[in-house]
Every structure is written in structure tokens, then in C-alpha cells.
């Protein structure tokens, strides 16, 4: 390992290393497309598993994020790391990632229809739409902005209000060390197996434009829709006094748009704490129906194969819409943080990647630009509800 790190260090120019910088792992396909637009001094180092290690200054990271958002019209594609060693380990310690993708973590029998069907029938498009509108009214939910902090507090307060009559439910802000926006975690303590955890999450931040904190970033689809979809699932479960046997957590991650920072913090802490996470669902964009013949698209890469198959059967059983698979590349959303730490994760998405919403990361990412209603998102609220009830039994 030390030899590999030493060779890697030699690949970067003196100019790049002299400035304050950050280590990243970046999707190789993204790198091939954006390399001509990065500073010529930036060198690409160690590469493995579809990604490479690079060392960038803060300005270069902003440039990288800008090109990904504005030119490639996609989320993520890179993960920030605390050190060179951590970045290299992310690509060389593949045992945990392989385990996260291939192992079977739970009983995937579908047998909770008596509980699930009444709940999914109660999902309401209007309440999802209303929550999207409320989140979109924050000028930006950028992770360094005051409104980014305030929007996380709003989500916390909304979730807490839904659970106000439950003494087995806790909603709290998860403070991060290096930026002001907190993540939000809601915990329903399991009645029989509280140490086993089922997670449904989505990122709470938004971004638009170069140096994304100053302009308007309504982020209706990306990702007010995911947070609002989670909120609807919470609302339905609380209205039905649902009490899982396993612990269930709903998480709104900070700082996803700038390298999965919030989810990396949390997933790493769960790994270091020895927590037993038996399933993770990521809801990142549920509003825009971009693929004609599929309503729900499961990302097949950097996810757990058995859990994906389980989700497909849940769609057939309870949501009853066409579904399929796509691929979103390295580090495309917060599920990748869980996979990297050895936990099973899935990402149901609103469309195939090639059919994605071209308005994300701009001031045009509004409810109106995605059709004006939340009918598509309601399908994901049903899926999330069924996933929790079937897995947390």
C-alpha cells in the first residue's frame, strides 16, 4: 500500500500539490468527458474499479462539479476523501464493496400484504406535491448556505410533527464537522430486533450554477422530490401507527451534490460503530418521468443484486408499474457511500440515465418543468413504504 501511495504522489504536478487541495475518486467515464475542461496541471493517478484518484484545489472541485452538472446533466460522479490513503483505499479495498453488492443480507420473502396494501392505498399525490413546493421555496439548499441549514431544520420539524404522538420515534439533526448544513435522521426503534437497521434516504441539498451557493437552486426534482417522497412514506406509516420489528431510519443527507459528503460521514460512522444495516434505499429524484416504457428504474451498478431483485418483486406486487434496470456510474448518489462501507443498497430512479431530467442543477428545476404534479413520485412513496414494511418485519 505504501509503495502504491508513493507512486501515486509522484503523478501530480508541483503546482497542484502546492495549493490547498482535496483528494477525490472520480468516475472514469466522467473524467474522459471533462478532462479537456480541467486545468492542464491536473493529473489522473491510481485507477481501479471504474474510477480514478485525483487531487484538486477547491476551485478545481467547483469546476468539476460545474461541468458534471451543466454539461453532463447528472448527479455525483465523484466522492471527496479526507486523505490520499482513504481515496486509494476506496478503490483498492474491494472486499467490502464486493460483499455489499453480492451478499444476501435478509430474508426477501414478500408476505406482509395485509399491512402494506392499506398503507400504499393512502399515498397522496397532493401532499407530496405540497412538500416539493415548500422545499423549492428555499432560495437554495446548498450545503454551505444559511438557507441550506434552514431547509434541513424545516425537514426535521416536518418529520417530528408527523411523529409527535410516538415515544418510540426520534428525529434529530446530524451535525457535520466541515460544513454548516446538517443531515436529518428519523429513527423508529424496532420492537424485537432494534440492532438491525433498515434505511430509506435521499439528499437534502440542492445546487445550481458555478460555485453553487449564490444563485437560485429550487431543486424540485433534485432532490425535493426524494425528500418529499420519503416524507409521504413517513406520514402514511405514522398515520397507521406502524411499529417495525427492526429499527427503521429515514435520512436526509447533507452535501450530496459536492461529493456525497454527508452520506459518507454517516455510512463510515455506522461501519466504525459496528452497526447492522440490513438494507438501504436511496431516493434521489422521483418527479420526472423520462422513460416512456418504464416507471421505476433500478440502478444495477454499485448496488446489491439480491435487494434489487427484491425491489422488483415489490413493484410487481404493490406498485404495479413497469420497471427495469439502468446504470448510473461511480458515486452517482448516496447509495454509493453505503456500498463502499459494505452495506446493501439500492437506488430506484425516475428514469433510465439517458432519459434524465435536463433541468436539474439549474433555476429551471421546478415542479412545473417536471409536469406540474407529483403523480410519478407517488409511485416511489408506495415502493418505499412497501420496502420498509417487508424488510423491517
Protein backbone atom coordinates (compact mmCIF):
# COMPACT_ATOMS: atom_id res chain seq x y z
CA UNK A 1 0.00 0.00 0.00
CA UNK A 2 2.74 2.49 0.92
CA UNK A 3 4.50 1.79 -2.38
CA UNK A 4 1.30 2.43 -4.31
CA UNK A 5 0.73 5.67 -2.43
CA UNK A 6 4.26 6.83 -3.12
CA UNK A 7 3.96 6.19 -6.83
CA UNK A 8 0.63 7.97 -6.86
CA UNK A 9 2.03 11.07 -5.20
CA UNK A 10 4.61 11.45 -7.95
CA UNK A 11 1.96 11.77 -10.63
CA UNK A 12 0.70 15.15 -9.52
CA UNK A 13 2.34 18.39 -10.57
CA UNK A 14 4.14 20.64 -8.11
CA UNK A 15 1.72 23.44 -8.84
CA UNK A 16 -1.30 21.34 -7.91
CA UNK A 17 0.30 19.96 -4.77
CA UNK A 18 1.41 23.41 -3.57
CA UNK A 19 -2.16 24.72 -3.30
CA UNK A 20 -4.61 23.60 -0.60
CA UNK A 21 -6.29 20.62 -2.16
CA UNK A 22 -8.64 17.69 -1.68
CA UNK A 23 -8.37 14.03 -2.69
CA UNK A 24 -11.21 12.68 -4.83
CA UNK A 25 -12.17 9.45 -6.53
CA UNK A 26 -13.87 10.24 -9.84
CA UNK A 27 -15.80 8.10 -12.31
CA UNK A 28 -13.55 7.32 -15.30
CA UNK A 29 -16.29 8.00 -17.82
CA UNK A 30 -16.87 11.41 -16.25
CA UNK A 31 -13.13 12.09 -16.33
CA UNK A 32 -12.88 11.23 -20.02
CA UNK A 33 -15.60 13.73 -20.83
CA UNK A 34 -14.46 16.59 -18.65
CA UNK A 35 -10.66 16.19 -18.81
CA UNK A 36 -10.27 18.84 -21.57
CA UNK A 37 -12.09 21.38 -19.40
CA UNK A 38 -9.99 20.88 -16.28
CA UNK A 39 -6.76 22.75 -15.65
CA UNK A 40 -3.89 21.20 -17.57
CA UNK A 41 -1.89 20.80 -14.36
CA UNK A 42 -4.40 18.25 -13.03
CA UNK A 43 -3.07 14.72 -13.39
CA UNK A 44 -5.01 11.50 -13.06
CA UNK A 45 -3.43 8.95 -10.70
CA UNK A 46 -4.30 5.49 -9.44
CA UNK A 47 -7.27 3.91 -11.24
CA UNK A 48 -9.36 0.85 -10.42
CA UNK A 49 -12.96 -0.36 -10.45
CA UNK A 50 -14.13 2.28 -12.92
CA UNK A 51 -12.76 5.30 -11.05
CA UNK A 52 -9.52 7.22 -10.55
CA UNK A 53 -7.84 9.21 -7.80
CA UNK A 54 -7.21 12.90 -8.44
CA UNK A 55 -6.02 15.78 -6.26
CA UNK A 56 -7.87 19.08 -6.87
CA UNK A 57 -7.97 22.51 -5.31
CA UNK A 58 -11.28 23.87 -4.05
CA UNK A 59 -11.68 25.92 -7.23
CA UNK A 60 -11.00 22.87 -9.38
CA UNK A 61 -13.57 20.84 -7.46
CA UNK A 62 -16.12 23.57 -8.11
CA UNK A 63 -15.14 23.44 -11.78
CA UNK A 64 -15.51 19.66 -11.82
CA UNK A 65 -18.93 19.88 -10.18
CA UNK A 66 -19.99 22.63 -12.59
CA UNK A 67 -19.05 20.62 -15.67
CA UNK A 68 -20.80 17.48 -14.38
CA UNK A 69 -23.96 19.44 -13.59
CA UNK A 70 -24.08 21.82 -16.56
CA UNK A 71 -22.59 19.73 -19.36
CA UNK A 72 -23.33 16.14 -18.37
CA UNK A 73 -26.67 16.86 -16.63
CA UNK A 74 -26.09 14.23 -13.98
CA UNK A 75 -25.60 13.95 -10.25
CA UNK A 76 -22.47 12.88 -8.46
CA UNK A 77 -19.71 11.08 -10.28
CA UNK A 78 -17.13 11.77 -7.60
CA UNK A 79 -16.51 11.27 -3.89
CA UNK A 80 -14.40 13.54 -1.68
CA UNK A 81 -11.96 11.95 0.78
CA UNK A 82 -10.12 13.10 3.87
CA UNK A 83 -6.73 11.84 2.72
CA UNK A 84 -4.79 10.29 -0.14
CA UNK A 85 -4.78 6.97 1.68
CA UNK A 86 -8.55 6.99 2.08
CA UNK A 87 -9.00 7.76 -1.63
CA UNK A 88 -6.74 4.92 -2.73
CA UNK A 89 -8.33 2.54 -0.23
CA UNK A 90 -11.74 3.36 -1.66
CA UNK A 91 -10.61 1.82 -4.94
CA UNK A 92 -8.33 -0.95 -3.65
CA UNK A 93 -10.29 -2.33 -0.67
CA UNK A 94 -12.80 -4.05 -2.87
CA UNK A 95 -13.73 -6.88 -0.50
CA UNK A 96 -16.36 -4.81 1.31
CA UNK A 97 -17.80 -3.40 -1.89
CA UNK A 98 -17.97 -6.87 -3.47
CA UNK A 99 -19.68 -8.18 -0.35
CA UNK A 100 -22.14 -5.27 -0.38
CA UNK A 101 -23.06 -5.99 -3.99
CA UNK A 102 -23.27 -9.79 -3.87
CA UNK A 103 -24.17 -10.97 -0.36
CA UNK A 104 -27.69 -11.68 0.88
CA UNK A 105 -28.40 -9.65 4.00
CA UNK A 106 -32.01 -10.54 4.84
CA UNK A 107 -34.98 -12.74 4.14
CA UNK A 108 -36.51 -11.27 0.99
CA UNK A 109 -39.82 -13.11 1.23
CA UNK A 110 -42.81 -10.90 0.41
CA UNK A 111 -45.57 -11.74 2.88
CA UNK A 112 -46.77 -8.51 4.52
CA UNK A 113 -49.61 -7.71 2.15
CA UNK A 114 -52.19 -7.24 4.89
CA UNK A 115 -50.13 -4.36 6.26
CA UNK A 116 -48.73 -2.99 3.02
CA UNK A 117 -51.83 -2.74 0.81
CA UNK A 118 -53.85 -0.43 3.08
CA UNK A 119 -50.81 1.81 3.50
CA UNK A 120 -49.93 2.18 -0.17
CA UNK A 121 -53.55 2.98 -0.94
CA UNK A 122 -53.24 6.00 1.37
CA UNK A 123 -50.35 7.63 -0.50
CA UNK A 124 -51.49 11.07 -1.71
CA UNK A 125 -50.00 12.90 -4.65
CA UNK A 126 -51.12 16.27 -3.32
CA UNK A 127 -49.19 16.06 -0.06
CA UNK A 128 -46.03 15.07 -1.94
CA UNK A 129 -46.57 17.99 -4.30
CA UNK A 130 -47.12 20.40 -1.42
CA UNK A 131 -43.87 19.33 0.25
CA UNK A 132 -41.94 19.75 -3.03
CA UNK A 133 -43.31 23.28 -3.34
CA UNK A 134 -42.33 24.13 0.24
CA UNK A 135 -38.77 22.86 -0.22
CA UNK A 136 -38.46 24.65 -3.56
CA UNK A 137 -39.25 27.99 -1.94
CA UNK A 138 -35.86 27.99 -0.20
CA UNK A 139 -33.62 30.03 -2.50
CA UNK A 140 -31.04 27.27 -2.32
CA UNK A 141 -30.41 24.27 -0.13
CA UNK A 142 -26.68 24.45 -0.86
CA UNK A 143 -24.68 22.82 1.92
CA UNK A 144 -22.72 25.98 2.86
CA UNK A 145 -25.68 28.37 2.80
CA UNK A 146 -27.88 29.62 5.62
CA UNK A 147 -30.95 28.51 3.70
CA UNK A 148 -29.34 25.08 3.40
CA UNK A 149 -29.28 24.94 7.19
CA UNK A 150 -32.81 26.28 7.46
CA UNK A 151 -34.17 23.78 4.94
CA UNK A 152 -32.72 20.88 6.94
CA UNK A 153 -34.31 22.29 10.08
CA UNK A 154 -37.62 22.50 8.20
CA UNK A 155 -37.38 18.85 7.20
CA UNK A 156 -36.55 17.91 10.79
CA UNK A 157 -39.55 19.83 12.09
CA UNK A 158 -41.87 18.33 9.45
CA UNK A 159 -40.86 14.77 10.27
CA UNK A 160 -41.05 15.42 14.01
CA UNK A 161 -44.58 16.78 13.67
CA UNK A 162 -45.67 13.62 11.88
CA UNK A 163 -44.30 11.50 14.74
CA UNK A 164 -45.38 13.73 17.64
CA UNK A 165 -47.56 11.03 19.22
CA UNK A 166 -44.88 8.31 19.15
CA UNK A 167 -42.46 7.84 22.06
CA UNK A 168 -40.52 5.21 20.10
CA UNK A 169 -39.59 7.71 17.37
CA UNK A 170 -36.76 10.26 17.46
CA UNK A 171 -35.97 12.95 14.88
CA UNK A 172 -32.63 14.74 15.13
CA UNK A 173 -30.11 16.78 13.20
CA UNK A 174 -26.77 15.12 12.46
CA UNK A 175 -24.09 17.80 12.61
CA UNK A 176 -21.09 17.50 10.31
CA UNK A 177 -17.64 18.83 11.16
CA UNK A 178 -16.66 20.68 7.99
CA UNK A 179 -19.80 22.45 6.75
CA UNK A 180 -22.91 24.01 8.31
CA UNK A 181 -25.80 22.07 6.75
CA UNK A 182 -26.83 19.14 8.97
CA UNK A 183 -28.28 15.85 7.83
CA UNK A 184 -31.61 14.73 9.27
CA UNK A 185 -32.22 11.31 10.83
CA UNK A 186 -35.58 9.93 11.93
CA UNK A 187 -35.42 6.66 13.91
CA UNK A 188 -38.27 4.26 14.66
CA UNK A 189 -36.87 1.84 17.22
CA UNK A 190 -37.53 -1.81 16.36
CA UNK A 191 -39.72 -3.74 18.76
CA UNK A 192 -37.87 -7.07 18.50
CA UNK A 193 -34.56 -6.57 16.67
CA UNK A 194 -33.59 -2.96 17.36
CA UNK A 195 -29.93 -3.52 16.46
CA UNK A 196 -30.84 -4.37 12.84
CA UNK A 197 -31.47 -1.27 10.74
CA UNK A 198 -33.42 -0.57 7.54
CA UNK A 199 -32.70 2.81 5.95
CA UNK A 200 -34.54 4.94 3.39
CA UNK A 201 -32.69 8.13 2.46
CA UNK A 202 -32.28 10.92 -0.03
CA UNK A 203 -30.16 14.05 -0.18
CA UNK A 204 -31.49 17.29 1.27
CA UNK A 205 -29.20 19.76 -0.53
CA UNK A 206 -29.58 21.45 -3.91
CA UNK A 207 -27.18 23.15 -6.30
CA UNK A 208 -27.31 25.28 -9.43
CA UNK A 209 -24.62 27.01 -11.43
CA UNK A 210 -20.91 27.53 -10.95
CA UNK A 211 -19.89 27.96 -7.27
CA UNK A 212 -23.40 26.78 -6.45
CA UNK A 213 -24.20 28.68 -3.24
CA UNK A 214 -25.09 32.11 -4.53
CA UNK A 215 -27.86 31.63 -7.08
CA UNK A 216 -31.34 30.19 -7.04
CA UNK A 217 -31.42 26.39 -6.78
CA UNK A 218 -35.04 25.27 -6.28
CA UNK A 219 -34.08 21.63 -6.88
CA UNK A 220 -37.69 20.45 -7.19
CA UNK A 221 -36.73 17.17 -8.81
CA UNK A 222 -33.18 17.05 -7.44
CA UNK A 223 -33.94 16.37 -4.70
CA UNK A 224 -37.00 17.95 -3.12
CA UNK A 225 -38.86 15.10 -4.81
CA UNK A 226 -36.91 12.40 -2.98
CA UNK A 227 -37.28 14.08 0.41
CA UNK A 228 -40.99 14.69 -0.22
CA UNK A 229 -41.46 11.07 -1.26
CA UNK A 230 -39.81 9.93 1.98
CA UNK A 231 -41.98 12.37 3.91
CA UNK A 232 -45.12 10.83 2.42
CA UNK A 233 -43.99 7.33 3.38
CA UNK A 234 -43.38 8.58 6.93
CA UNK A 235 -46.82 10.23 7.01
CA UNK A 236 -48.55 7.01 5.98
CA UNK A 237 -46.62 4.88 8.47
CA UNK A 238 -47.29 7.25 11.35
CA UNK A 239 -50.99 7.51 10.45
CA UNK A 240 -51.19 3.71 10.65
CA UNK A 241 -49.21 3.54 13.90
CA UNK A 242 -46.74 1.24 12.13
CA UNK A 243 -44.27 -0.41 14.52
CA UNK A 244 -41.44 -2.32 12.85
CA UNK A 245 -39.62 -5.27 14.40
CA UNK A 246 -36.31 -3.99 13.03
CA UNK A 247 -35.27 -0.38 13.55
CA UNK A 248 -36.14 1.90 10.63
CA UNK A 249 -34.32 5.14 9.82
CA UNK A 250 -35.22 7.85 7.34
CA UNK A 251 -32.27 10.09 6.43
CA UNK A 252 -31.96 13.39 4.59
CA UNK A 253 -28.27 13.70 3.68
CA UNK A 254 -26.41 17.00 3.56
CA UNK A 255 -23.87 17.86 0.87
CA UNK A 256 -24.54 15.10 -1.66
CA UNK A 257 -24.07 17.40 -4.64
CA UNK A 258 -20.42 18.12 -3.79
CA UNK A 259 -19.14 14.57 -3.43
CA UNK A 260 -21.52 12.53 -1.23
CA UNK A 261 -20.05 14.17 1.86
CA UNK A 262 -22.96 13.75 4.25
CA UNK A 263 -23.71 10.12 3.46
CA UNK A 264 -20.00 9.27 3.54
CA UNK A 265 -19.79 10.70 7.06
CA UNK A 266 -22.82 8.74 8.23
CA UNK A 267 -22.10 5.43 6.49
CA UNK A 268 -18.48 5.50 7.68
CA UNK A 269 -19.62 6.19 11.25
CA UNK A 270 -22.07 3.26 11.07
CA UNK A 271 -19.31 0.97 9.83
CA UNK A 272 -16.89 2.09 12.53
CA UNK A 273 -19.62 1.68 15.14
CA UNK A 274 -20.35 -1.88 14.02
CA UNK A 275 -23.98 -1.15 13.19
CA UNK A 276 -26.01 -3.86 11.44
CA UNK A 277 -27.61 -2.29 8.38
CA UNK A 278 -29.68 -4.91 6.55
CA UNK A 279 -30.97 -2.70 3.73
CA UNK A 280 -30.66 0.81 2.28
CA UNK A 281 -32.86 2.53 -0.30
CA UNK A 282 -31.80 5.81 -1.91
CA UNK A 283 -34.47 8.13 -3.34
CA UNK A 284 -32.70 10.71 -5.46
CA UNK A 285 -35.14 12.20 -7.99
CA UNK A 286 -38.65 10.75 -8.30
CA UNK A 287 -40.59 13.55 -10.03
CA UNK A 288 -39.74 13.45 -13.75
CA UNK A 289 -40.97 10.56 -15.89
CA UNK A 290 -38.34 10.44 -18.59
CA UNK A 291 -38.59 6.87 -19.88
CA UNK A 292 -41.71 6.04 -21.85
CA UNK A 293 -41.95 2.32 -21.14
CA UNK A 294 -40.62 2.23 -17.55
CA UNK A 295 -41.86 3.98 -14.44
CA UNK A 296 -39.27 2.80 -11.92
CA UNK A 297 -35.66 2.12 -12.92
CA UNK A 298 -33.26 0.31 -10.57
CA UNK A 299 -29.59 1.19 -10.83
CA UNK A 300 -27.73 -2.08 -11.31
CA UNK A 301 -24.19 -0.83 -10.59
CA UNK A 302 -22.75 -0.23 -7.11
CA UNK A 303 -25.90 -1.76 -5.62
CA UNK A 304 -26.92 -5.08 -4.06
CA UNK A 305 -28.19 -7.56 -6.66
CA UNK A 306 -30.46 -9.58 -4.34
CA UNK A 307 -32.05 -6.48 -2.84
CA UNK A 308 -32.63 -5.06 -6.33
CA UNK A 309 -34.46 -8.25 -7.32
CA UNK A 310 -36.49 -7.97 -4.11
CA UNK A 311 -37.46 -4.40 -5.05
CA UNK A 312 -38.54 -5.52 -8.49
CA UNK A 313 -40.88 -8.08 -6.94
CA UNK A 314 -42.22 -5.42 -4.57
CA UNK A 315 -43.01 -3.18 -7.54
CA UNK A 316 -44.88 -6.03 -9.22
CA UNK A 317 -46.78 -6.92 -6.03
CA UNK A 318 -47.75 -3.50 -4.72
CA UNK A 319 -47.00 -0.66 -7.15
CA UNK A 320 -47.88 -2.49 -10.37
CA UNK A 321 -46.00 -0.30 -12.85
CA UNK A 322 -43.39 -1.19 -15.49
CA UNK A 323 -39.82 -1.28 -14.19
CA UNK A 324 -36.34 -2.12 -15.39
CA UNK A 325 -32.62 -1.52 -14.90
CA UNK A 326 -30.09 1.14 -15.81
CA UNK A 327 -26.59 2.14 -14.67
CA UNK A 328 -25.52 5.46 -13.21
CA UNK A 329 -21.75 5.09 -12.78
CA UNK A 330 -19.38 5.58 -9.86
CA UNK A 331 -20.52 7.74 -6.95
CA UNK A 332 -23.73 8.90 -8.61
CA UNK A 333 -25.68 9.25 -5.35
CA UNK A 334 -25.64 8.47 -1.64
CA UNK A 335 -26.27 4.74 -2.00
CA UNK A 336 -22.63 4.51 -3.13
CA UNK A 337 -21.46 5.56 0.34
CA UNK A 338 -23.26 2.61 1.90
CA UNK A 339 -21.99 0.17 -0.73
CA UNK A 340 -18.41 1.37 -0.20
CA UNK A 341 -18.75 0.61 3.52
CA UNK A 342 -20.04 -2.91 3.00
CA UNK A 343 -23.79 -2.35 3.36
CA UNK A 344 -26.53 -3.43 0.88
CA UNK A 345 -28.01 -0.51 -1.03
CA UNK A 346 -30.41 0.10 -3.93
CA UNK A 347 -31.40 3.16 -5.91
CA UNK A 348 -34.82 3.21 -7.60
CA UNK A 349 -34.74 6.12 -10.05
CA UNK A 350 -37.28 8.12 -12.01
CA UNK A 351 -35.92 7.15 -15.45
CA UNK A 352 -33.11 5.45 -17.30
CA UNK A 353 -29.99 7.60 -17.05
CA UNK A 354 -30.06 8.58 -20.71
CA UNK A 355 -33.62 9.86 -20.27
CA UNK A 356 -32.88 12.00 -17.23
CA UNK A 357 -34.21 15.45 -16.42
CA UNK A 358 -32.12 18.06 -18.27
CA UNK A 359 -33.27 20.86 -15.97
CA UNK A 360 -31.55 19.62 -12.82
CA UNK A 361 -28.84 21.85 -11.32
CA UNK A 362 -30.42 24.93 -12.89
CA UNK A 363 -33.02 27.52 -11.87
CA UNK A 364 -35.38 25.61 -14.18
CA UNK A 365 -35.61 22.58 -11.86
CA UNK A 366 -39.15 23.38 -10.76
CA UNK A 367 -42.34 21.41 -10.25
CA UNK A 368 -43.74 22.94 -13.44
CA UNK A 369 -40.81 21.80 -15.58
CA UNK A 370 -41.44 18.22 -14.43
CA UNK A 371 -45.11 18.21 -15.34
CA UNK A 372 -46.70 20.21 -12.53
CA UNK A 373 -47.76 17.30 -10.30
CA UNK A 374 -46.25 14.53 -8.17
CA UNK A 375 -48.01 11.54 -9.70
CA UNK A 376 -44.73 9.92 -10.67
CA UNK A 377 -43.26 10.48 -7.21
CA UNK A 378 -46.28 8.81 -5.60
CA UNK A 379 -45.18 5.50 -7.13
CA UNK A 380 -41.89 5.76 -5.25
CA UNK A 381 -43.68 6.59 -1.99
CA UNK A 382 -45.62 3.36 -2.37
CA UNK A 383 -42.41 1.49 -3.12
CA UNK A 384 -40.60 2.96 -0.12
CA UNK A 385 -43.49 2.11 2.20
CA UNK A 386 -43.66 -1.48 0.96
CA UNK A 387 -39.87 -1.86 1.13
CA UNK A 388 -39.80 -0.81 4.78
CA UNK A 389 -42.71 -2.98 5.88
CA UNK A 390 -41.48 -6.07 4.04
CA UNK A 391 -37.86 -5.72 5.19
CA UNK A 392 -38.28 -4.47 8.76
CA UNK A 393 -40.53 -7.37 9.79
